[in-house]
Amino acid sequence: MNEAEFGHNAPLVVCVDGSEAGARAVTYATAVARQRGCVLRLVHVLHAAIPLAPRMPLFGADALRSIGLQVIQDASEQVRELSDNEVVTEEVLSHGNLVPAILSHAQCASGIVMASRSGGAQHLLTGSTTVGVLAGSHVPVICVPPAWNPDARHGRVVVGIANPASKSLVEPALARAREQGKGLTLLHAWRPKGLYDTAIGGQALVEIWERESEKTMREMLAARREGYPDVEVDVDLRYDQPAAALVSASQDADLLVLGRRGHRGPPGVAVGSIARVLMHAAACPVEILPVRVGHAPTSTRIPAKAGARNPAMRSELHQTVN
């Protein structure tokens, strides 16, 4: 996936609902739209009619529409104030099922910005909406977590590299770093669990993993670096569980870029466990991109300790990546 496929100047969609979390999403989306010089499309999906009893609606369609219009108007005013009237907005008042309605207004967008919530009963409702949009979207989805501080500036975009399919994330991440005037870190984390960790935990084997991973990631970067000579790039290798490493890295990042695989399987399955953790636990916005997977990755073997009877461990990163 290259930058042209993102429709960089296409409208950016932000989901608004009148809540504090929704206002957080608008704040981040406004900053991105201002950087890109693109239109910001404010999308609010009307609630279905709320019945008090059969044939006795508590709120009719006109009342719900009036509330929806106020939500859109408030969000539009927020954008004007944050951008000094620089960002042009489109206001969309939609209806129907929440996830399909959002996706229908983002088919030709450059991305979708949504607020993610923390735990609790509210997360059980709103979390399913975010996961549904992620699973069904063909464009990047940016989740703005509760811990995000809009005043924090770290000067760094971090992209999570899991396996060879992640090579398609490098160029979009370079583009994000350039548009935001920041550096880029390619982060790869890997650590087996339990006895497997003990089996390869010797310093010599960790050094083998680091050396091979560094080489693979440098090759991955070199093939895509030419168009971004002004972006400072470094490689960060962490012998740690990927989710934990990425949460830690988000503390010093302005944006975390992740990938997810395809649209196969039931709704929600396309959103992996690491993305689910990061969209709520990260300290910075998380942009999750669809990753095209041509085939399952094969792996380079990491030698077992001398005399060990267990098979050699594998890291998904190592294979030809160009």
Protein backbone atom coordinates (compact mmCIF):
# COMPACT_ATOMS: atom_id res chain seq x y z
CA MET A 1 0.00 0.00 0.00
CA ASN A 2 1.48 3.36 -0.99
CA GLU A 3 0.56 6.87 -0.04
CA ALA A 4 -1.49 7.40 -3.21
CA GLU A 5 -3.83 4.58 -2.16
CA PHE A 6 -4.65 6.44 1.03
CA GLY A 7 -6.24 9.30 -0.92
CA HIS A 8 -4.10 11.73 1.07
CA ASN A 9 -6.17 14.78 0.04
CA ALA A 10 -9.50 12.97 0.32
CA PRO A 11 -11.82 13.95 3.18
CA LEU A 12 -10.97 12.69 6.66
CA VAL A 13 -13.98 11.26 8.51
CA VAL A 14 -14.47 11.79 12.24
CA CYS A 15 -17.29 10.18 14.20
CA VAL A 16 -19.05 12.61 16.55
CA ASP A 17 -21.63 11.83 19.24
CA GLY A 18 -21.70 14.83 21.57
CA SER A 19 -19.66 13.08 24.27
CA GLU A 20 -16.36 14.05 25.86
CA ALA A 21 -14.71 11.16 24.03
CA GLY A 22 -16.20 12.35 20.75
CA ALA A 23 -14.77 15.83 21.35
CA ARG A 24 -11.36 14.22 21.86
CA ALA A 25 -11.64 12.58 18.45
CA VAL A 26 -12.61 15.91 16.88
CA THR A 27 -9.57 17.59 18.46
CA TYR A 28 -7.18 15.08 16.93
CA ALA A 29 -8.98 14.93 13.58
CA THR A 30 -8.88 18.72 13.29
CA ALA A 31 -5.10 18.75 13.76
CA VAL A 32 -4.64 16.06 11.08
CA ALA A 33 -6.98 17.76 8.60
CA ARG A 34 -5.15 21.04 9.13
CA GLN A 35 -1.77 19.38 8.44
CA ARG A 36 -3.06 17.70 5.29
CA GLY A 37 -5.16 20.59 4.03
CA CYS A 38 -8.13 18.27 3.55
CA VAL A 39 -11.83 18.51 4.29
CA LEU A 40 -12.99 17.14 7.65
CA ARG A 41 -16.23 15.18 7.35
CA LEU A 42 -18.22 15.15 10.60
CA VAL A 43 -20.45 12.08 10.74
CA HIS A 44 -23.17 11.60 13.34
CA VAL A 45 -25.51 8.62 13.22
CA LEU A 46 -28.93 9.29 14.70
CA HIS A 47 -30.16 7.02 17.45
CA ALA A 48 -33.16 4.89 16.60
CA ALA A 49 -36.47 5.99 18.10
CA ILE A 50 -36.59 5.23 21.84
CA PRO A 51 -39.93 3.63 22.82
CA LEU A 52 -41.39 4.16 26.28
CA ALA A 53 -44.12 1.65 25.59
CA PRO A 54 -45.71 0.23 22.44
CA ARG A 55 -47.25 2.99 20.34
CA MET A 56 -45.96 5.65 22.77
CA PRO A 57 -42.53 6.92 21.64
CA LEU A 58 -40.58 8.87 24.23
CA PHE A 59 -38.57 10.56 21.47
CA GLY A 60 -39.92 10.79 17.98
CA ALA A 61 -37.91 11.13 14.79
CA ASP A 62 -38.12 14.95 14.80
CA ALA A 63 -36.80 15.21 18.36
CA LEU A 64 -33.93 12.83 17.62
CA ARG A 65 -33.06 14.73 14.45
CA SER A 66 -32.99 17.99 16.40
CA ILE A 67 -30.56 16.50 18.91
CA GLY A 68 -28.40 15.11 16.10
CA LEU A 69 -28.24 18.48 14.38
CA GLN A 70 -27.07 20.05 17.65
CA VAL A 71 -24.31 17.43 17.98
CA ILE A 72 -23.09 18.20 14.45
CA GLN A 73 -23.31 21.95 15.02
CA ASP A 74 -21.30 21.76 18.25
CA ALA A 75 -18.61 19.65 16.57
CA SER A 76 -18.40 22.04 13.64
CA GLU A 77 -17.95 24.97 16.02
CA GLN A 78 -15.20 23.06 17.84
CA VAL A 79 -13.35 22.57 14.53
CA ARG A 80 -13.62 26.25 13.66
CA GLU A 81 -12.22 27.30 17.04
CA LEU A 82 -9.37 24.78 17.00
CA SER A 83 -8.30 25.57 13.43
CA ASP A 84 -8.90 29.34 13.37
CA ASN A 85 -11.43 28.69 10.58
CA GLU A 86 -8.78 27.03 8.40
CA VAL A 87 -10.34 23.55 8.23
CA VAL A 88 -13.34 23.15 5.94
CA THR A 89 -16.00 20.78 7.25
CA GLU A 90 -18.75 18.64 5.76
CA GLU A 91 -21.63 17.79 8.08
CA VAL A 92 -23.33 14.42 7.65
CA LEU A 93 -26.38 13.41 9.67
CA SER A 94 -26.92 9.72 8.98
CA HIS A 95 -29.27 7.01 10.19
CA GLY A 96 -29.47 3.26 10.34
CA ASN A 97 -27.18 0.74 11.98
CA LEU A 98 -24.16 2.49 13.45
CA VAL A 99 -21.24 0.61 11.90
CA PRO A 100 -22.59 0.31 8.32
CA ALA A 101 -23.65 3.97 8.41
CA ILE A 102 -20.15 5.11 9.40
CA LEU A 103 -18.49 2.92 6.79
CA SER A 104 -20.83 4.12 4.05
CA HIS A 105 -19.55 7.69 4.47
CA ALA A 106 -15.88 6.66 4.50
CA GLN A 107 -15.53 4.61 1.33
CA CYS A 108 -13.45 7.25 -0.44
CA ALA A 109 -12.01 8.89 2.67
CA SER A 110 -8.37 9.16 3.67
CA GLY A 111 -9.24 7.64 7.05
CA ILE A 112 -11.68 7.42 9.94
CA VAL A 113 -11.03 8.98 13.36
CA MET A 114 -12.83 7.52 16.37
CA ALA A 115 -12.48 7.88 20.12
CA SER A 116 -11.78 4.72 22.08
CA ARG A 117 -13.05 4.41 25.62
CA SER A 118 -11.62 2.85 28.76
CA GLY A 119 -13.16 -0.20 30.42
CA GLY A 120 -16.55 -0.62 32.06
CA ALA A 121 -20.06 -1.10 30.77
CA GLN A 122 -19.74 1.81 28.35
CA HIS A 123 -16.77 0.07 26.69
CA LEU A 124 -18.90 -3.02 26.08
CA LEU A 125 -21.17 -0.87 23.92
CA THR A 126 -18.82 1.60 22.27
CA GLY A 127 -15.92 -0.86 22.00
CA SER A 128 -17.98 -3.07 19.72
CA THR A 129 -18.60 -0.10 17.42
CA THR A 130 -14.89 0.66 17.09
CA VAL A 131 -14.04 -2.99 16.48
CA GLY A 132 -16.85 -3.26 13.93
CA VAL A 133 -15.58 -0.24 12.02
CA LEU A 134 -12.01 -1.57 12.14
CA ALA A 135 -13.06 -4.98 10.87
CA GLY A 136 -15.08 -3.56 7.99
CA SER A 137 -13.01 -0.57 6.91
CA HIS A 138 -10.87 -0.52 3.77
CA VAL A 139 -9.24 2.75 4.87
CA PRO A 140 -7.05 3.54 7.91
CA VAL A 141 -8.83 3.91 11.25
CA ILE A 142 -7.32 6.16 13.93
CA CYS A 143 -8.34 5.41 17.52
CA VAL A 144 -7.82 8.27 19.98
CA PRO A 145 -7.45 6.73 23.46
CA PRO A 146 -8.52 8.23 26.80
CA ALA A 147 -4.89 8.73 27.92
CA TRP A 148 -3.97 10.94 24.94
CA ASN A 149 -2.71 14.39 25.93
CA PRO A 150 -3.17 16.85 23.03
CA ASP A 151 -0.51 19.15 24.51
CA ALA A 152 2.21 16.47 24.58
CA ARG A 153 4.84 16.67 21.81
CA HIS A 154 7.41 13.89 21.42
CA GLY A 155 8.52 14.34 17.81
CA ARG A 156 8.21 10.64 17.04
CA VAL A 157 5.95 8.28 15.06
CA VAL A 158 6.29 4.57 15.92
CA VAL A 159 5.32 1.76 13.55
CA GLY A 160 4.92 -1.78 14.83
CA ILE A 161 6.65 -4.36 12.62
CA ALA A 162 5.36 -7.87 13.33
CA ASN A 163 6.29 -9.92 10.26
CA PRO A 164 7.14 -9.55 6.54
CA ALA A 165 3.58 -8.43 5.73
CA SER A 166 4.30 -5.36 7.85
CA LYS A 167 6.55 -4.02 5.10
CA SER A 168 3.42 -2.39 3.65
CA LEU A 169 3.24 -0.21 6.78
CA VAL A 170 6.67 1.36 6.32
CA GLU A 171 5.85 3.82 3.54
CA PRO A 172 2.59 5.06 5.12
CA ALA A 173 4.44 5.49 8.41
CA LEU A 174 7.18 7.46 6.66
CA ALA A 175 4.48 9.64 5.11
CA ARG A 176 2.88 10.25 8.52
CA ALA A 177 6.23 11.20 10.02
CA ARG A 178 6.95 13.61 7.18
CA GLU A 179 3.54 15.30 7.26
CA GLN A 180 3.86 15.80 11.02
CA GLY A 181 7.51 16.88 10.86
CA LYS A 182 8.61 14.04 13.11
CA GLY A 183 11.07 11.15 13.18
CA LEU A 184 10.08 7.51 12.70
CA THR A 185 10.87 4.45 14.79
CA LEU A 186 10.44 0.92 13.42
CA LEU A 187 9.69 -1.25 16.44
CA HIS A 188 9.83 -5.05 16.45
CA ALA A 189 9.17 -6.96 19.66
CA TRP A 190 9.21 -10.70 20.20
CA ARG A 191 9.41 -12.97 23.19
CA PRO A 192 8.09 -16.53 23.56
CA LYS A 193 6.26 -17.55 26.69
CA GLY A 194 6.95 -19.92 29.54
CA LEU A 195 9.57 -22.62 29.09
CA TYR A 196 10.28 -21.46 25.55
CA ASP A 197 11.49 -18.16 26.95
CA THR A 198 13.76 -20.01 29.36
CA ALA A 199 15.10 -22.19 26.54
CA ILE A 200 16.31 -19.29 24.38
CA GLY A 201 16.85 -16.68 27.06
CA GLY A 202 20.62 -16.96 26.92
CA GLN A 203 22.31 -13.74 25.89
CA ALA A 204 23.94 -15.33 22.83
CA LEU A 205 20.58 -16.39 21.37
CA VAL A 206 19.02 -12.99 22.05
CA GLU A 207 21.94 -11.40 20.23
CA ILE A 208 21.33 -13.69 17.24
CA TRP A 209 17.69 -12.61 17.18
CA GLU A 210 18.65 -8.93 17.44
CA ARG A 211 21.24 -9.21 14.67
CA GLU A 212 18.91 -10.97 12.24
CA SER A 213 15.99 -8.68 13.09
CA GLU A 214 18.10 -5.53 12.61
CA LYS A 215 19.25 -6.74 9.19
CA THR A 216 15.72 -7.64 8.08
CA MET A 217 14.25 -4.32 9.18
CA ARG A 218 17.04 -2.30 7.58
CA GLU A 219 16.33 -4.10 4.29
CA MET A 220 12.64 -3.45 4.70
CA LEU A 221 13.33 0.24 5.22
CA ALA A 222 15.92 0.66 2.44
CA ALA A 223 13.45 -0.47 -0.23
CA ARG A 224 11.04 2.34 0.72
CA ARG A 225 13.22 5.14 2.06
CA GLU A 226 14.10 6.93 -1.19
CA GLY A 227 11.07 9.22 -1.24
CA TYR A 228 11.55 10.34 2.37
CA PRO A 229 15.18 11.45 2.78
CA ASP A 230 14.23 14.14 5.30
CA VAL A 231 12.67 11.71 7.82
CA GLU A 232 15.00 10.60 10.60
CA VAL A 233 14.53 6.84 11.11
CA ASP A 234 15.73 4.43 13.77
CA VAL A 235 15.12 0.78 14.63
CA ASP A 236 13.98 -0.34 18.07
CA LEU A 237 14.26 -4.06 18.94
CA ARG A 238 12.69 -5.22 22.18
CA TYR A 239 12.87 -8.72 23.61
CA ASP A 240 9.39 -8.39 25.08
CA GLN A 241 5.76 -9.28 24.43
CA PRO A 242 4.59 -7.12 21.48
CA ALA A 243 1.57 -5.56 23.22
CA ALA A 244 3.60 -4.58 26.27
CA ALA A 245 6.42 -3.16 24.12
CA LEU A 246 4.03 -1.10 22.02
CA VAL A 247 2.15 0.28 25.04
CA SER A 248 5.49 1.32 26.51
CA ALA A 249 6.64 2.91 23.23
CA SER A 250 3.39 4.88 22.97
CA GLN A 251 4.38 6.84 26.08
CA ASP A 252 7.00 8.69 24.03
CA ALA A 253 5.22 8.80 20.66
CA ASP A 254 2.78 11.15 18.95
CA LEU A 255 1.30 8.40 16.76
CA LEU A 256 1.46 4.61 16.74
CA VAL A 257 0.96 2.87 13.38
CA LEU A 258 -0.20 -0.76 13.32
CA GLY A 259 -1.51 -3.16 10.73
CA ARG A 260 -4.28 -5.69 10.62
CA ARG A 261 -4.85 -8.50 8.18
CA GLY A 262 -7.60 -8.50 5.57
CA HIS A 263 -11.34 -8.99 5.99
CA ARG A 264 -11.52 -12.75 6.28
CA GLY A 265 -13.64 -14.46 8.91
CA PRO A 266 -16.58 -13.27 11.05
CA PRO A 267 -16.90 -9.57 11.97
CA GLY A 268 -14.27 -8.55 14.50
CA VAL A 269 -11.94 -11.49 13.83
CA ALA A 270 -9.87 -9.34 11.45
CA VAL A 271 -8.97 -7.14 14.43
CA GLY A 272 -6.13 -8.84 16.31
CA SER A 273 -5.61 -8.96 20.04
CA ILE A 274 -2.67 -6.52 19.95
CA ALA A 275 -4.71 -3.89 18.09
CA ARG A 276 -7.55 -4.36 20.58
CA VAL A 277 -5.19 -3.77 23.51
CA LEU A 278 -3.48 -0.74 21.95
CA MET A 279 -6.64 1.09 20.90
CA HIS A 280 -7.56 1.37 24.60
CA ALA A 281 -4.24 1.20 26.48
CA ALA A 282 -1.94 3.35 24.32
CA ALA A 283 -0.92 6.82 25.44
CA CYS A 284 -1.11 8.26 21.91
CA PRO A 285 -3.46 7.92 18.93
CA VAL A 286 -3.23 4.56 17.15
CA GLU A 287 -3.62 4.38 13.37
CA ILE A 288 -4.56 0.88 12.22
CA LEU A 289 -4.06 0.11 8.54
CA PRO A 290 -5.33 -2.79 6.44
CA VAL A 291 -2.40 -5.05 5.53
CA ARG A 292 -2.49 -7.13 2.37
CA VAL A 293 -1.28 -10.63 3.03
CA GLY A 294 -0.29 -12.71 0.04
CA HIS A 295 0.69 -15.79 2.03
CA ALA A 296 1.53 -16.85 5.55
CA PRO A 297 5.00 -15.75 6.59
CA THR A 298 7.74 -18.31 6.92
CA SER A 299 10.45 -17.82 9.49
CA THR A 300 14.16 -18.05 9.98
CA ARG A 301 15.13 -20.44 12.74
CA ILE A 302 16.83 -19.17 15.87
CA PRO A 303 19.24 -21.93 16.98
CA ALA A 304 18.44 -23.76 20.20
CA LYS A 305 20.96 -23.96 23.00
CA ALA A 306 23.60 -26.65 22.61
CA GLY A 307 22.29 -29.95 23.87
CA ALA A 308 18.69 -28.74 24.14
CA ARG A 309 16.06 -31.24 23.00
CA ASN A 310 13.31 -28.72 22.21
CA PRO A 311 12.93 -27.53 18.59
CA ALA A 312 14.42 -24.18 17.62
CA MET A 313 12.21 -21.16 18.21
CA ARG A 314 10.98 -19.02 15.34
CA SER A 315 10.44 -15.30 14.90
CA GLU A 316 7.89 -14.34 12.25
CA LEU A 317 9.92 -11.36 11.08
CA HIS A 318 12.76 -13.14 9.31
CA GLN A 319 12.42 -13.94 5.62
CA THR A 320 12.98 -12.09 2.34
CA VAL A 321 11.05 -8.82 2.65
CA ASN A 322 11.75 -6.85 -0.54
